[in-house]
Amino acid sequence: MQATAGASTSLGIHLLQILFFVLWFGVAITNLIYPRILWKITQGWRARQEPPKVFFRIRRMWSVLMILMGIGLLFSTRGF
């Protein structure tokens, strides 16, 4: 019975990791392609005007870094 419980726990952890990475990449790719949409969802409701274009360029650069970090985390946790 313990082997079954361990297998289901391991499966649950893997499913949680997959869900985490899908959300991670989804947000990063959306921010890379459509940074204004995510800005409007997260901060647009409290702003009086839209930020300058450079703000969205910086958000895109952060998205590239987040994607690279996600790939690094994905390959570093594959053995677990």
Protein backbone atom coordinates (compact mmCIF):
# COMPACT_ATOMS: atom_id res chain seq x y z
CA MET A 1 0.00 0.00 0.00
CA GLN A 2 2.89 2.37 0.63
CA ALA A 3 4.20 1.95 -2.92
CA THR A 4 0.83 3.08 -4.28
CA ALA A 5 0.74 6.12 -2.01
CA GLY A 6 4.29 7.06 -3.02
CA ALA A 7 3.48 6.67 -6.70
CA SER A 8 0.39 8.86 -6.44
CA THR A 9 2.32 11.51 -4.49
CA SER A 10 5.04 11.50 -7.14
CA LEU A 11 2.43 11.81 -9.88
CA GLY A 12 0.80 14.71 -8.03
CA ILE A 13 4.12 16.51 -7.73
CA HIS A 14 4.81 16.07 -11.44
CA LEU A 15 1.36 17.34 -12.35
CA LEU A 16 1.90 20.36 -10.10
CA GLN A 17 5.25 21.05 -11.79
CA ILE A 18 3.63 20.80 -15.23
CA LEU A 19 0.85 23.18 -14.18
CA PHE A 20 3.41 25.62 -12.76
CA PHE A 21 5.48 25.64 -15.96
CA VAL A 22 2.42 25.98 -18.21
CA LEU A 23 1.32 29.03 -16.22
CA TRP A 24 4.89 30.39 -16.09
CA PHE A 25 5.40 30.11 -19.86
CA GLY A 26 1.87 31.27 -20.62
CA VAL A 27 2.29 34.50 -18.70
CA ALA A 28 5.82 35.09 -20.02
CA ILE A 29 4.87 34.49 -23.65
CA THR A 30 1.72 36.61 -23.33
CA ASN A 31 3.80 39.40 -21.82
CA LEU A 32 6.35 39.03 -24.61
CA ILE A 33 3.76 39.28 -27.38
CA TYR A 34 1.08 41.47 -25.76
CA PRO A 35 2.63 43.45 -22.89
CA ARG A 36 -0.14 46.08 -22.96
CA ILE A 37 -2.83 43.48 -22.30
CA LEU A 38 -1.11 42.20 -19.17
CA TRP A 39 -0.41 45.76 -18.05
CA LYS A 40 -4.10 46.65 -18.45
CA ILE A 41 -5.12 43.56 -16.48
CA THR A 42 -2.64 44.01 -13.64
CA GLN A 43 -2.13 47.77 -13.34
CA GLY A 44 -4.21 49.56 -15.94
CA TRP A 45 -7.20 49.88 -13.65
CA ARG A 46 -5.32 52.18 -11.28
CA ALA A 47 -3.34 54.24 -13.81
CA ARG A 48 -4.54 57.50 -15.26
CA GLN A 49 -2.52 57.17 -18.45
CA GLU A 50 -0.63 54.48 -20.32
CA PRO A 51 3.12 54.28 -19.61
CA PRO A 52 5.68 55.16 -22.30
CA LYS A 53 6.75 52.67 -24.95
CA VAL A 54 10.06 52.02 -23.23
CA PHE A 55 8.14 50.53 -20.28
CA PHE A 56 6.68 47.87 -22.57
CA ARG A 57 10.08 47.19 -24.14
CA ILE A 58 11.51 46.56 -20.68
CA ARG A 59 8.59 44.24 -19.91
CA ARG A 60 9.40 42.30 -23.08
CA MET A 61 13.05 41.96 -22.04
CA TRP A 62 11.94 40.68 -18.62
CA SER A 63 9.71 38.19 -20.41
CA VAL A 64 12.67 36.81 -22.34
CA LEU A 65 14.55 36.43 -19.05
CA MET A 66 11.55 34.70 -17.46
CA ILE A 67 11.30 32.28 -20.38
CA LEU A 68 15.02 31.47 -20.10
CA MET A 69 14.71 31.00 -16.34
CA GLY A 70 11.71 28.75 -16.89
CA ILE A 71 13.64 26.60 -19.36
CA GLY A 72 16.52 26.39 -16.89
CA LEU A 73 14.18 25.36 -14.08
CA LEU A 74 12.45 22.86 -16.31
CA PHE A 75 15.67 21.07 -17.13
CA SER A 76 17.04 21.31 -13.60
CA THR A 77 13.94 19.59 -12.12
CA ARG A 78 13.55 16.84 -14.72
CA GLY A 79 15.32 14.26 -12.61
CA PHE A 80 13.02 14.69 -9.62
